[in-house]
């Protein structure tokens, strides 16, 4: 069964399959969705939200009320189900204003395109209410931004039908995309494994000059575009392999050419230090608030204090946790005798 939330992924790769194991980002989103609906209904927030998460949700609530412009808001999850023509799955929105033909979805984490999902929600709403237009709003609470789409019945139907057609086509083929790491087939998909195998075959050729290869790639725009597309697939793969190497080294296993390097945590100043400096700086308060989000890096905080002629209270300086990095273990050069 194709889920509404999978439509944006299927638009990029018709073979995408959601990973059944929800990660921390998904769990965070579910928790903040519940808080968003509760606040809209005037109910207490349940769940363990951090101060930053609660502030983000409260911003989203005020934004949703502004978008409603006085219209009645439906925020009860039981009444926010959406059945879209052509889809068996029943989706769930986060807020709806039926009287002005509008619905909204709270989104957490990075800003992404949810265009196809919103088309399906709009189509389901128009089909249920026998209307020919609908507006959807994506409320990105972490970035404090709103992305809106105005739909006609024909446009929403076209977008949904195209994705469903490609996703159910018997000859569909996988396409590497930004959602690969979320797919349950990420470790076996040929669109990810083939480029890795091909690249290793090229790099391991003793006569291959990487400089010559680079020159050849950048001289051909078509090949350059293809290379960048393929290279993007290595990001998640590389991070996972690098993590495995760190685990081996920490366990005492030798990984030729690599070693672990300790790095002291970055210096920062917390909220109280920022407030104290803001009061002392007075006229620079707005600038400092823009600069900081609860804490500031040591460098930026010191630069601002120097600019305002304020003495830094050294006892307020903090350090983050020590970081262990995997770095290339370069052979030491022999000293000349």
C-alpha atoms as a PDB file:
ATOM      1  CA  UNK A   1       0.000   0.000   0.000  1.00  0.00           C
ATOM      2  CA  UNK A   2       1.392   3.405  -1.010  1.00  0.00           C
ATOM      3  CA  UNK A   3       1.340   5.911   1.852  1.00  0.00           C
ATOM      4  CA  UNK A   4       0.726   9.623   1.352  1.00  0.00           C
ATOM      5  CA  UNK A   5       4.063  10.441   2.983  1.00  0.00           C
ATOM      6  CA  UNK A   6       5.872   8.216   0.452  1.00  0.00           C
ATOM      7  CA  UNK A   7       4.668  10.139  -2.614  1.00  0.00           C
ATOM      8  CA  UNK A   8       7.523  12.728  -2.637  1.00  0.00           C
ATOM      9  CA  UNK A   9      10.068   9.881  -2.416  1.00  0.00           C
ATOM     10  CA  UNK A  10       8.343   7.863  -5.148  1.00  0.00           C
ATOM     11  CA  UNK A  11       8.383  10.953  -7.365  1.00  0.00           C
ATOM     12  CA  UNK A  12      12.197  10.774  -7.262  1.00  0.00           C
ATOM     13  CA  UNK A  13      12.542   6.971  -7.241  1.00  0.00           C
ATOM     14  CA  UNK A  14       9.572   4.799  -8.284  1.00  0.00           C
ATOM     15  CA  UNK A  15      11.080   1.831  -6.416  1.00  0.00           C
ATOM     16  CA  UNK A  16      11.320   3.554  -3.033  1.00  0.00           C
ATOM     17  CA  UNK A  17      10.109   1.558  -0.012  1.00  0.00           C
ATOM     18  CA  UNK A  18       9.828   3.129   3.437  1.00  0.00           C
ATOM     19  CA  UNK A  19      11.987   1.677   6.173  1.00  0.00           C
ATOM     20  CA  UNK A  20       9.619   0.152   8.761  1.00  0.00           C
ATOM     21  CA  UNK A  21      11.940   1.186  11.610  1.00  0.00           C
ATOM     22  CA  UNK A  22      11.244   4.793  12.571  1.00  0.00           C
ATOM     23  CA  UNK A  23      14.421   6.757  13.279  1.00  0.00           C
ATOM     24  CA  UNK A  24      14.933   9.545  15.853  1.00  0.00           C
ATOM     25  CA  UNK A  25      13.915  12.236  13.340  1.00  0.00           C
ATOM     26  CA  UNK A  26      10.579  10.541  12.655  1.00  0.00           C
ATOM     27  CA  UNK A  27       9.907  10.035  16.363  1.00  0.00           C
ATOM     28  CA  UNK A  28      10.685  13.708  17.007  1.00  0.00           C
ATOM     29  CA  UNK A  29       8.287  14.735  14.242  1.00  0.00           C
ATOM     30  CA  UNK A  30       5.472  12.590  15.642  1.00  0.00           C
ATOM     31  CA  UNK A  31       5.978  14.046  19.107  1.00  0.00           C
ATOM     32  CA  UNK A  32       5.907  17.635  17.825  1.00  0.00           C
ATOM     33  CA  UNK A  33       2.870  16.943  15.605  1.00  0.00           C
ATOM     34  CA  UNK A  34       0.945  15.804  18.674  1.00  0.00           C
ATOM     35  CA  UNK A  35       1.984  18.928  20.598  1.00  0.00           C
ATOM     36  CA  UNK A  36       0.966  21.143  17.668  1.00  0.00           C
ATOM     37  CA  UNK A  37      -2.543  19.696  17.505  1.00  0.00           C
ATOM     38  CA  UNK A  38      -2.934  19.755  21.286  1.00  0.00           C
ATOM     39  CA  UNK A  39      -2.058  23.454  21.526  1.00  0.00           C
ATOM     40  CA  UNK A  40      -4.435  24.310  18.672  1.00  0.00           C
ATOM     41  CA  UNK A  41      -7.223  22.578  20.623  1.00  0.00           C
ATOM     42  CA  UNK A  42      -6.274  24.305  23.879  1.00  0.00           C
ATOM     43  CA  UNK A  43      -5.119  21.083  25.486  1.00  0.00           C
ATOM     44  CA  UNK A  44      -1.967  20.474  27.572  1.00  0.00           C
ATOM     45  CA  UNK A  45       1.117  19.253  25.773  1.00  0.00           C
ATOM     46  CA  UNK A  46       2.178  15.720  26.580  1.00  0.00           C
ATOM     47  CA  UNK A  47       5.545  14.256  25.673  1.00  0.00           C
ATOM     48  CA  UNK A  48       9.090  15.218  26.503  1.00  0.00           C
ATOM     49  CA  UNK A  49       9.819  18.310  24.391  1.00  0.00           C
ATOM     50  CA  UNK A  50      12.963  20.378  24.779  1.00  0.00           C
ATOM     51  CA  UNK A  51      12.692  24.139  25.206  1.00  0.00           C
ATOM     52  CA  UNK A  52      13.726  24.652  21.574  1.00  0.00           C
ATOM     53  CA  UNK A  53      11.163  22.131  20.314  1.00  0.00           C
ATOM     54  CA  UNK A  54       8.355  23.692  22.345  1.00  0.00           C
ATOM     55  CA  UNK A  55       9.262  27.173  21.088  1.00  0.00           C
ATOM     56  CA  UNK A  56       9.222  25.877  17.503  1.00  0.00           C
ATOM     57  CA  UNK A  57       5.802  24.300  17.980  1.00  0.00           C
ATOM     58  CA  UNK A  58       4.385  27.441  19.615  1.00  0.00           C
ATOM     59  CA  UNK A  59       5.595  29.468  16.632  1.00  0.00           C
ATOM     60  CA  UNK A  60       3.858  26.973  14.337  1.00  0.00           C
ATOM     61  CA  UNK A  61       0.608  27.299  16.299  1.00  0.00           C
ATOM     62  CA  UNK A  62       0.617  31.104  16.013  1.00  0.00           C
ATOM     63  CA  UNK A  63       1.443  30.786  12.317  1.00  0.00           C
ATOM     64  CA  UNK A  64      -1.418  28.327  11.777  1.00  0.00           C
ATOM     65  CA  UNK A  65      -3.858  30.703  13.453  1.00  0.00           C
ATOM     66  CA  UNK A  66      -2.636  33.535  11.265  1.00  0.00           C
ATOM     67  CA  UNK A  67      -3.123  31.409   8.154  1.00  0.00           C
ATOM     68  CA  UNK A  68      -6.642  30.524   9.324  1.00  0.00           C
ATOM     69  CA  UNK A  69      -7.470  34.240   9.482  1.00  0.00           C
ATOM     70  CA  UNK A  70     -10.320  33.737  11.936  1.00  0.00           C
ATOM     71  CA  UNK A  71     -11.757  30.592  10.367  1.00  0.00           C
ATOM     72  CA  UNK A  72     -12.587  27.588  12.545  1.00  0.00           C
ATOM     73  CA  UNK A  73      -9.596  25.248  12.925  1.00  0.00           C
ATOM     74  CA  UNK A  74     -10.005  21.481  13.061  1.00  0.00           C
ATOM     75  CA  UNK A  75      -7.023  19.931  14.888  1.00  0.00           C
ATOM     76  CA  UNK A  76      -8.464  16.693  16.253  1.00  0.00           C
ATOM     77  CA  UNK A  77      -6.443  13.899  14.627  1.00  0.00           C
ATOM     78  CA  UNK A  78      -9.543  11.686  14.394  1.00  0.00           C
ATOM     79  CA  UNK A  79     -11.193  14.266  12.106  1.00  0.00           C
ATOM     80  CA  UNK A  80      -8.162  14.958   9.921  1.00  0.00           C
ATOM     81  CA  UNK A  81      -8.145  11.765   7.878  1.00  0.00           C
ATOM     82  CA  UNK A  82      -7.802  12.103   4.113  1.00  0.00           C
ATOM     83  CA  UNK A  83      -8.881   9.526   1.526  1.00  0.00           C
ATOM     84  CA  UNK A  84      -7.401  10.267  -1.894  1.00  0.00           C
ATOM     85  CA  UNK A  85      -8.899   8.830  -5.098  1.00  0.00           C
ATOM     86  CA  UNK A  86      -6.645   6.065  -6.442  1.00  0.00           C
ATOM     87  CA  UNK A  87      -5.001   5.398  -3.069  1.00  0.00           C
ATOM     88  CA  UNK A  88      -5.918   2.792  -0.467  1.00  0.00           C
ATOM     89  CA  UNK A  89      -3.949   4.463   2.317  1.00  0.00           C
ATOM     90  CA  UNK A  90      -5.727   6.972   4.546  1.00  0.00           C
ATOM     91  CA  UNK A  91      -3.550   9.999   5.218  1.00  0.00           C
ATOM     92  CA  UNK A  92      -3.678  12.364   8.185  1.00  0.00           C
ATOM     93  CA  UNK A  93      -3.229  16.135   8.089  1.00  0.00           C
ATOM     94  CA  UNK A  94      -2.245  18.266  11.065  1.00  0.00           C
ATOM     95  CA  UNK A  95      -4.817  21.057  10.694  1.00  0.00           C
ATOM     96  CA  UNK A  96      -7.762  21.923   8.477  1.00  0.00           C
ATOM     97  CA  UNK A  97     -10.019  24.933   7.881  1.00  0.00           C
ATOM     98  CA  UNK A  98     -12.892  23.572   5.820  1.00  0.00           C
ATOM     99  CA  UNK A  99     -14.708  26.922   5.488  1.00  0.00           C
ATOM    100  CA  UNK A 100     -11.795  28.478   3.579  1.00  0.00           C
ATOM    101  CA  UNK A 101     -10.740  25.246   1.823  1.00  0.00           C
ATOM    102  CA  UNK A 102      -7.317  25.116   3.436  1.00  0.00           C
ATOM    103  CA  UNK A 103      -5.205  22.582   5.332  1.00  0.00           C
ATOM    104  CA  UNK A 104      -1.732  22.664   6.876  1.00  0.00           C
ATOM    105  CA  UNK A 105       0.992  20.211   7.757  1.00  0.00           C
ATOM    106  CA  UNK A 106       3.647  20.723  10.424  1.00  0.00           C
ATOM    107  CA  UNK A 107       7.112  19.705   9.221  1.00  0.00           C
ATOM    108  CA  UNK A 108      10.197  19.267  11.386  1.00  0.00           C
ATOM    109  CA  UNK A 109      13.838  18.834  10.447  1.00  0.00           C
ATOM    110  CA  UNK A 110      15.303  19.919   7.114  1.00  0.00           C
ATOM    111  CA  UNK A 111      13.191  21.693   4.529  1.00  0.00           C
ATOM    112  CA  UNK A 112      12.240  19.288   1.741  1.00  0.00           C
ATOM    113  CA  UNK A 113       9.683  19.160  -1.051  1.00  0.00           C
ATOM    114  CA  UNK A 114       6.412  17.592   0.041  1.00  0.00           C
ATOM    115  CA  UNK A 115       4.697  18.709  -3.163  1.00  0.00           C
ATOM    116  CA  UNK A 116       3.218  15.336  -4.153  1.00  0.00           C
ATOM    117  CA  UNK A 117       1.982  14.588  -0.631  1.00  0.00           C
ATOM    118  CA  UNK A 118       0.224  17.946  -0.493  1.00  0.00           C
ATOM    119  CA  UNK A 119      -1.322  17.299  -3.914  1.00  0.00           C
ATOM    120  CA  UNK A 120      -2.798  14.058  -2.551  1.00  0.00           C
ATOM    121  CA  UNK A 121      -4.172  15.821   0.537  1.00  0.00           C
ATOM    122  CA  UNK A 122      -5.672  18.596  -1.592  1.00  0.00           C
ATOM    123  CA  UNK A 123      -7.223  16.081  -4.002  1.00  0.00           C
ATOM    124  CA  UNK A 124      -8.742  14.087  -1.150  1.00  0.00           C
ATOM    125  CA  UNK A 125     -10.201  17.219   0.430  1.00  0.00           C
ATOM    126  CA  UNK A 126     -11.657  18.493  -2.844  1.00  0.00           C
ATOM    127  CA  UNK A 127     -13.111  15.074  -3.636  1.00  0.00           C
ATOM    128  CA  UNK A 128     -14.786  14.896  -0.231  1.00  0.00           C
ATOM    129  CA  UNK A 129     -16.143  18.469  -0.231  1.00  0.00           C
ATOM    130  CA  UNK A 130     -17.067  18.622  -3.944  1.00  0.00           C
ATOM    131  CA  UNK A 131     -14.901  21.705  -4.474  1.00  0.00           C
ATOM    132  CA  UNK A 132     -12.558  22.646  -7.303  1.00  0.00           C
ATOM    133  CA  UNK A 133      -9.746  24.398  -5.435  1.00  0.00           C
ATOM    134  CA  UNK A 134      -7.797  23.946  -2.212  1.00  0.00           C
ATOM    135  CA  UNK A 135      -4.786  25.532  -0.503  1.00  0.00           C
ATOM    136  CA  UNK A 136      -2.146  23.628   1.452  1.00  0.00           C
ATOM    137  CA  UNK A 137       0.489  25.115   3.743  1.00  0.00           C
ATOM    138  CA  UNK A 138       3.701  23.445   4.875  1.00  0.00           C
ATOM    139  CA  UNK A 139       4.756  24.911   8.237  1.00  0.00           C
ATOM    140  CA  UNK A 140       8.487  24.287   8.706  1.00  0.00           C
ATOM    141  CA  UNK A 141       8.742  25.067  12.408  1.00  0.00           C
ATOM    142  CA  UNK A 142      12.504  24.579  12.814  1.00  0.00           C
ATOM    143  CA  UNK A 143      13.229  27.114  10.060  1.00  0.00           C
ATOM    144  CA  UNK A 144      10.221  29.352  10.877  1.00  0.00           C
ATOM    145  CA  UNK A 145       9.099  29.260   7.240  1.00  0.00           C
ATOM    146  CA  UNK A 146       5.865  28.516   5.381  1.00  0.00           C
ATOM    147  CA  UNK A 147       5.551  27.043   1.873  1.00  0.00           C
ATOM    148  CA  UNK A 148       2.091  27.311   0.305  1.00  0.00           C
ATOM    149  CA  UNK A 149       0.468  25.634  -2.711  1.00  0.00           C
ATOM    150  CA  UNK A 150      -2.825  26.556  -4.361  1.00  0.00           C
ATOM    151  CA  UNK A 151      -4.418  23.579  -6.120  1.00  0.00           C
ATOM    152  CA  UNK A 152      -7.094  22.997  -8.697  1.00  0.00           C
ATOM    153  CA  UNK A 153      -8.748  19.593  -8.834  1.00  0.00           C
ATOM    154  CA  UNK A 154      -7.205  18.876 -12.241  1.00  0.00           C
ATOM    155  CA  UNK A 155      -3.668  19.828 -11.173  1.00  0.00           C
ATOM    156  CA  UNK A 156      -3.723  17.788  -7.963  1.00  0.00           C
ATOM    157  CA  UNK A 157      -5.195  14.800  -9.800  1.00  0.00           C
ATOM    158  CA  UNK A 158      -2.481  15.034 -12.488  1.00  0.00           C
ATOM    159  CA  UNK A 159       0.378  15.133  -9.948  1.00  0.00           C
ATOM    160  CA  UNK A 160      -0.914  12.176  -7.936  1.00  0.00           C
ATOM    161  CA  UNK A 161      -1.768  10.080 -11.007  1.00  0.00           C
ATOM    162  CA  UNK A 162       1.718  10.534 -12.465  1.00  0.00           C
ATOM    163  CA  UNK A 163       3.473   9.355  -9.298  1.00  0.00           C
ATOM    164  CA  UNK A 164       1.152   6.362  -8.872  1.00  0.00           C
ATOM    165  CA  UNK A 165       1.605   5.376 -12.521  1.00  0.00           C
ATOM    166  CA  UNK A 166       5.406   5.394 -12.290  1.00  0.00           C
ATOM    167  CA  UNK A 167       5.436   3.659  -8.894  1.00  0.00           C
ATOM    168  CA  UNK A 168       3.282   0.776 -10.123  1.00  0.00           C
ATOM    169  CA  UNK A 169       4.772   0.380 -13.607  1.00  0.00           C
ATOM    170  CA  UNK A 170       6.066  -3.203 -14.131  1.00  0.00           C
ATOM    171  CA  UNK A 171       9.279  -1.937 -15.758  1.00  0.00           C
ATOM    172  CA  UNK A 172      10.128   0.723 -13.202  1.00  0.00           C
ATOM    173  CA  UNK A 173      13.805   1.043 -12.294  1.00  0.00           C
ATOM    174  CA  UNK A 174      15.410   2.552  -9.177  1.00  0.00           C
ATOM    175  CA  UNK A 175      16.910   6.011  -9.288  1.00  0.00           C
ATOM    176  CA  UNK A 176      19.431   7.193  -6.711  1.00  0.00           C
ATOM    177  CA  UNK A 177      18.104  10.250  -4.884  1.00  0.00           C
ATOM    178  CA  UNK A 178      18.217  12.194  -1.610  1.00  0.00           C
ATOM    179  CA  UNK A 179      15.922   9.652   0.048  1.00  0.00           C
ATOM    180  CA  UNK A 180      18.118   6.584  -0.513  1.00  0.00           C
ATOM    181  CA  UNK A 181      19.227   6.370   3.108  1.00  0.00           C
ATOM    182  CA  UNK A 182      15.557   6.236   4.193  1.00  0.00           C
ATOM    183  CA  UNK A 183      14.725   3.300   1.900  1.00  0.00           C
ATOM    184  CA  UNK A 184      14.585  -0.245   3.244  1.00  0.00           C
ATOM    185  CA  UNK A 185      16.507  -1.430   0.146  1.00  0.00           C
ATOM    186  CA  UNK A 186      19.351   1.092   0.580  1.00  0.00           C
ATOM    187  CA  UNK A 187      22.042  -1.576   1.122  1.00  0.00           C
ATOM    188  CA  UNK A 188      21.079  -3.729  -1.866  1.00  0.00           C
ATOM    189  CA  UNK A 189      19.754  -1.263  -4.460  1.00  0.00           C
ATOM    190  CA  UNK A 190      21.679  -1.462  -7.739  1.00  0.00           C
ATOM    191  CA  UNK A 191      21.482   2.314  -8.183  1.00  0.00           C
ATOM    192  CA  UNK A 192      23.746   2.618  -5.104  1.00  0.00           C
ATOM    193  CA  UNK A 193      25.886  -0.510  -5.295  1.00  0.00           C
ATOM    194  CA  UNK A 194      26.798  -0.288  -9.000  1.00  0.00           C
ATOM    195  CA  UNK A 195      28.476   3.183  -8.813  1.00  0.00           C
ATOM    196  CA  UNK A 196      30.524   2.061  -5.790  1.00  0.00           C
ATOM    197  CA  UNK A 197      31.768  -1.062  -7.586  1.00  0.00           C
ATOM    198  CA  UNK A 198      32.485   0.872 -10.783  1.00  0.00           C
ATOM    199  CA  UNK A 199      34.380   3.607  -8.934  1.00  0.00           C
ATOM    200  CA  UNK A 200      36.532   1.153  -7.013  1.00  0.00           C
ATOM    201  CA  UNK A 201      37.408  -0.572 -10.286  1.00  0.00           C
ATOM    202  CA  UNK A 202      38.614   2.734 -11.745  1.00  0.00           C
ATOM    203  CA  UNK A 203      40.526   3.905  -8.665  1.00  0.00           C
ATOM    204  CA  UNK A 204      42.332   0.589  -8.260  1.00  0.00           C
ATOM    205  CA  UNK A 205      43.801   0.718 -11.773  1.00  0.00           C
ATOM    206  CA  UNK A 206      47.531   1.382 -11.231  1.00  0.00           C
ATOM    207  CA  UNK A 207      47.892   3.379 -14.434  1.00  0.00           C
ATOM    208  CA  UNK A 208      44.941   5.664 -13.641  1.00  0.00           C
ATOM    209  CA  UNK A 209      45.817   9.293 -12.899  1.00  0.00           C
ATOM    210  CA  UNK A 210      43.172  10.971 -10.753  1.00  0.00           C
ATOM    211  CA  UNK A 211      44.314  14.360 -12.019  1.00  0.00           C
ATOM    212  CA  UNK A 212      43.795  13.246 -15.617  1.00  0.00           C
ATOM    213  CA  UNK A 213      40.434  11.760 -14.701  1.00  0.00           C
ATOM    214  CA  UNK A 214      39.341  15.022 -13.069  1.00  0.00           C
ATOM    215  CA  UNK A 215      40.399  17.023 -16.139  1.00  0.00           C
ATOM    216  CA  UNK A 216      38.425  14.668 -18.361  1.00  0.00           C
ATOM    217  CA  UNK A 217      35.296  14.983 -16.211  1.00  0.00           C
ATOM    218  CA  UNK A 218      35.258  18.784 -15.905  1.00  0.00           C
ATOM    219  CA  UNK A 219      35.858  19.239 -19.640  1.00  0.00           C
ATOM    220  CA  UNK A 220      32.584  17.484 -20.489  1.00  0.00           C
ATOM    221  CA  UNK A 221      29.447  19.139 -18.954  1.00  0.00           C
ATOM    222  CA  UNK A 222      27.335  16.023 -19.545  1.00  0.00           C
ATOM    223  CA  UNK A 223      29.860  13.775 -17.818  1.00  0.00           C
ATOM    224  CA  UNK A 224      30.373  16.349 -15.067  1.00  0.00           C
ATOM    225  CA  UNK A 225      26.660  16.345 -14.307  1.00  0.00           C
ATOM    226  CA  UNK A 226      26.552  12.552 -14.274  1.00  0.00           C
ATOM    227  CA  UNK A 227      29.604  12.394 -11.998  1.00  0.00           C
ATOM    228  CA  UNK A 228      28.065  14.806  -9.472  1.00  0.00           C
ATOM    229  CA  UNK A 229      24.848  12.790  -9.492  1.00  0.00           C
ATOM    230  CA  UNK A 230      26.713   9.539  -8.863  1.00  0.00           C
ATOM    231  CA  UNK A 231      29.045  11.083  -6.266  1.00  0.00           C
ATOM    232  CA  UNK A 232      26.085  12.253  -4.172  1.00  0.00           C
ATOM    233  CA  UNK A 233      25.219   8.608  -3.584  1.00  0.00           C
ATOM    234  CA  UNK A 234      28.454   8.060  -1.679  1.00  0.00           C
ATOM    235  CA  UNK A 235      27.749  10.486   1.169  1.00  0.00           C
ATOM    236  CA  UNK A 236      25.665   8.177   3.375  1.00  0.00           C
ATOM    237  CA  UNK A 237      27.626   5.106   2.269  1.00  0.00           C
ATOM    238  CA  UNK A 238      30.927   6.775   3.150  1.00  0.00           C
ATOM    239  CA  UNK A 239      29.699   7.951   6.565  1.00  0.00           C
ATOM    240  CA  UNK A 240      28.527   4.446   7.470  1.00  0.00           C
ATOM    241  CA  UNK A 241      31.823   2.861   6.413  1.00  0.00           C
ATOM    242  CA  UNK A 242      33.786   5.558   8.249  1.00  0.00           C
ATOM    243  CA  UNK A 243      31.812   4.853  11.418  1.00  0.00           C
ATOM    244  CA  UNK A 244      32.663   1.156  11.078  1.00  0.00           C
ATOM    245  CA  UNK A 245      36.355   2.048  10.803  1.00  0.00           C
ATOM    246  CA  UNK A 246      36.161   4.121  14.009  1.00  0.00           C
ATOM    247  CA  UNK A 247      34.561   1.203  15.840  1.00  0.00           C
ATOM    248  CA  UNK A 248      37.392  -1.085  14.707  1.00  0.00           C
ATOM    249  CA  UNK A 249      40.115   1.355  15.758  1.00  0.00           C
ATOM    250  CA  UNK A 250      38.500   1.957  19.149  1.00  0.00           C
ATOM    251  CA  UNK A 251      38.461  -1.828  19.630  1.00  0.00           C
ATOM    252  CA  UNK A 252      42.184  -2.008  18.871  1.00  0.00           C
ATOM    253  CA  UNK A 253      41.835  -3.319  15.312  1.00  0.00           C
ATOM    254  CA  UNK A 254      44.356  -1.896  12.859  1.00  0.00           C
ATOM    255  CA  UNK A 255      42.844  -0.097   9.844  1.00  0.00           C
ATOM    256  CA  UNK A 256      45.790   0.575   7.476  1.00  0.00           C
ATOM    257  CA  UNK A 257      46.149   4.248   6.596  1.00  0.00           C
ATOM    258  CA  UNK A 258      43.811   5.539   9.314  1.00  0.00           C
ATOM    259  CA  UNK A 259      43.972   6.503  12.982  1.00  0.00           C
ATOM    260  CA  UNK A 260      41.848   8.150  15.685  1.00  0.00           C
ATOM    261  CA  UNK A 261      42.490  11.735  16.715  1.00  0.00           C
ATOM    262  CA  UNK A 262      41.119  13.431  19.811  1.00  0.00           C
ATOM    263  CA  UNK A 263      39.733  16.952  19.439  1.00  0.00           C
ATOM    264  CA  UNK A 264      38.784  19.175  22.343  1.00  0.00           C
ATOM    265  CA  UNK A 265      35.172  20.316  22.441  1.00  0.00           C
ATOM    266  CA  UNK A 266      34.469  23.751  20.960  1.00  0.00           C
ATOM    267  CA  UNK A 267      34.273  26.708  23.336  1.00  0.00           C
ATOM    268  CA  UNK A 268      30.834  28.294  23.799  1.00  0.00           C
ATOM    269  CA  UNK A 269      28.952  30.650  26.126  1.00  0.00           C
ATOM    270  CA  UNK A 270      25.506  29.753  27.448  1.00  0.00           C
ATOM    271  CA  UNK A 271      22.245  31.728  27.671  1.00  0.00           C
ATOM    272  CA  UNK A 272      23.066  33.495  30.947  1.00  0.00           C
ATOM    273  CA  UNK A 273      26.376  34.745  29.571  1.00  0.00           C
ATOM    274  CA  UNK A 274      24.642  36.043  26.471  1.00  0.00           C
ATOM    275  CA  UNK A 275      22.003  37.882  28.513  1.00  0.00           C
ATOM    276  CA  UNK A 276      24.651  39.455  30.737  1.00  0.00           C
ATOM    277  CA  UNK A 277      26.606  40.656  27.707  1.00  0.00           C
ATOM    278  CA  UNK A 278      23.422  41.894  26.036  1.00  0.00           C
ATOM    279  CA  UNK A 279      22.569  44.045  29.060  1.00  0.00           C
ATOM    280  CA  UNK A 280      26.100  45.418  29.167  1.00  0.00           C
ATOM    281  CA  UNK A 281      26.103  46.105  25.441  1.00  0.00           C
ATOM    282  CA  UNK A 282      22.622  47.696  25.428  1.00  0.00           C
ATOM    283  CA  UNK A 283      22.621  49.160  21.923  1.00  0.00           C
ATOM    284  CA  UNK A 284      23.947  45.887  20.483  1.00  0.00           C
ATOM    285  CA  UNK A 285      21.131  43.768  21.934  1.00  0.00           C
ATOM    286  CA  UNK A 286      19.309  43.125  18.639  1.00  0.00           C
ATOM    287  CA  UNK A 287      22.558  42.180  16.917  1.00  0.00           C
ATOM    288  CA  UNK A 288      23.479  39.761  19.712  1.00  0.00           C
ATOM    289  CA  UNK A 289      20.037  38.121  19.740  1.00  0.00           C
ATOM    290  CA  UNK A 290      20.323  37.558  15.975  1.00  0.00           C
ATOM    291  CA  UNK A 291      23.788  36.107  16.481  1.00  0.00           C
ATOM    292  CA  UNK A 292      22.840  33.588  19.162  1.00  0.00           C
ATOM    293  CA  UNK A 293      20.280  30.851  19.581  1.00  0.00           C
ATOM    294  CA  UNK A 294      20.663  29.965  23.249  1.00  0.00           C
ATOM    295  CA  UNK A 295      24.425  29.655  23.068  1.00  0.00           C
ATOM    296  CA  UNK A 296      27.192  31.188  20.966  1.00  0.00           C
ATOM    297  CA  UNK A 297      30.504  29.879  19.729  1.00  0.00           C
ATOM    298  CA  UNK A 298      33.464  31.185  21.680  1.00  0.00           C
ATOM    299  CA  UNK A 299      34.923  32.953  18.652  1.00  0.00           C
ATOM    300  CA  UNK A 300      31.747  34.801  17.657  1.00  0.00           C
ATOM    301  CA  UNK A 301      30.917  35.742  21.247  1.00  0.00           C
ATOM    302  CA  UNK A 302      34.420  37.090  21.877  1.00  0.00           C
ATOM    303  CA  UNK A 303      34.342  39.084  18.623  1.00  0.00           C
ATOM    304  CA  UNK A 304      31.045  40.706  19.580  1.00  0.00           C
ATOM    305  CA  UNK A 305      32.226  41.550  23.097  1.00  0.00           C
ATOM    306  CA  UNK A 306      35.405  43.083  21.696  1.00  0.00           C
ATOM    307  CA  UNK A 307      33.350  45.157  19.271  1.00  0.00           C
ATOM    308  CA  UNK A 308      31.141  46.455  22.117  1.00  0.00           C
ATOM    309  CA  UNK A 309      34.054  46.984  24.525  1.00  0.00           C
ATOM    310  CA  UNK A 310      32.757  44.411  27.011  1.00  0.00           C
ATOM    311  CA  UNK A 311      35.061  42.239  29.117  1.00  0.00           C
ATOM    312  CA  UNK A 312      34.527  38.503  28.667  1.00  0.00           C
ATOM    313  CA  UNK A 313      33.934  36.662  31.932  1.00  0.00           C
ATOM    314  CA  UNK A 314      36.366  33.782  31.432  1.00  0.00           C
ATOM    315  CA  UNK A 315      34.768  31.679  34.169  1.00  0.00           C
ATOM    316  CA  UNK A 316      31.607  31.547  32.019  1.00  0.00           C
ATOM    317  CA  UNK A 317      33.384  29.883  29.120  1.00  0.00           C
ATOM    318  CA  UNK A 318      32.218  26.336  28.408  1.00  0.00           C
ATOM    319  CA  UNK A 319      33.588  23.440  26.391  1.00  0.00           C
ATOM    320  CA  UNK A 320      31.657  20.858  24.444  1.00  0.00           C
ATOM    321  CA  UNK A 321      32.391  17.157  24.746  1.00  0.00           C
ATOM    322  CA  UNK A 322      35.684  15.887  23.376  1.00  0.00           C
ATOM    323  CA  UNK A 323      35.384  14.561  19.829  1.00  0.00           C
ATOM    324  CA  UNK A 324      37.137  11.534  18.395  1.00  0.00           C
ATOM    325  CA  UNK A 325      37.730  11.870  14.649  1.00  0.00           C
ATOM    326  CA  UNK A 326      38.897   9.358  12.078  1.00  0.00           C
ATOM    327  CA  UNK A 327      41.784  10.880  10.116  1.00  0.00           C
ATOM    328  CA  UNK A 328      44.262   9.708   7.539  1.00  0.00           C
ATOM    329  CA  UNK A 329      47.371   8.289   9.188  1.00  0.00           C
ATOM    330  CA  UNK A 330      50.105   9.872   7.069  1.00  0.00           C
ATOM    331  CA  UNK A 331      53.506   8.168   7.208  1.00  0.00           C
ATOM    332  CA  UNK A 332      56.089  10.269   9.022  1.00  0.00           C
ATOM    333  CA  UNK A 333      58.870  11.589   6.852  1.00  0.00           C
ATOM    334  CA  UNK A 334      62.328  10.364   7.705  1.00  0.00           C
ATOM    335  CA  UNK A 335      64.542  13.121   9.094  1.00  0.00           C
ATOM    336  CA  UNK A 336      67.626  14.013   7.124  1.00  0.00           C
ATOM    337  CA  UNK A 337      70.788  13.092   8.944  1.00  0.00           C
END
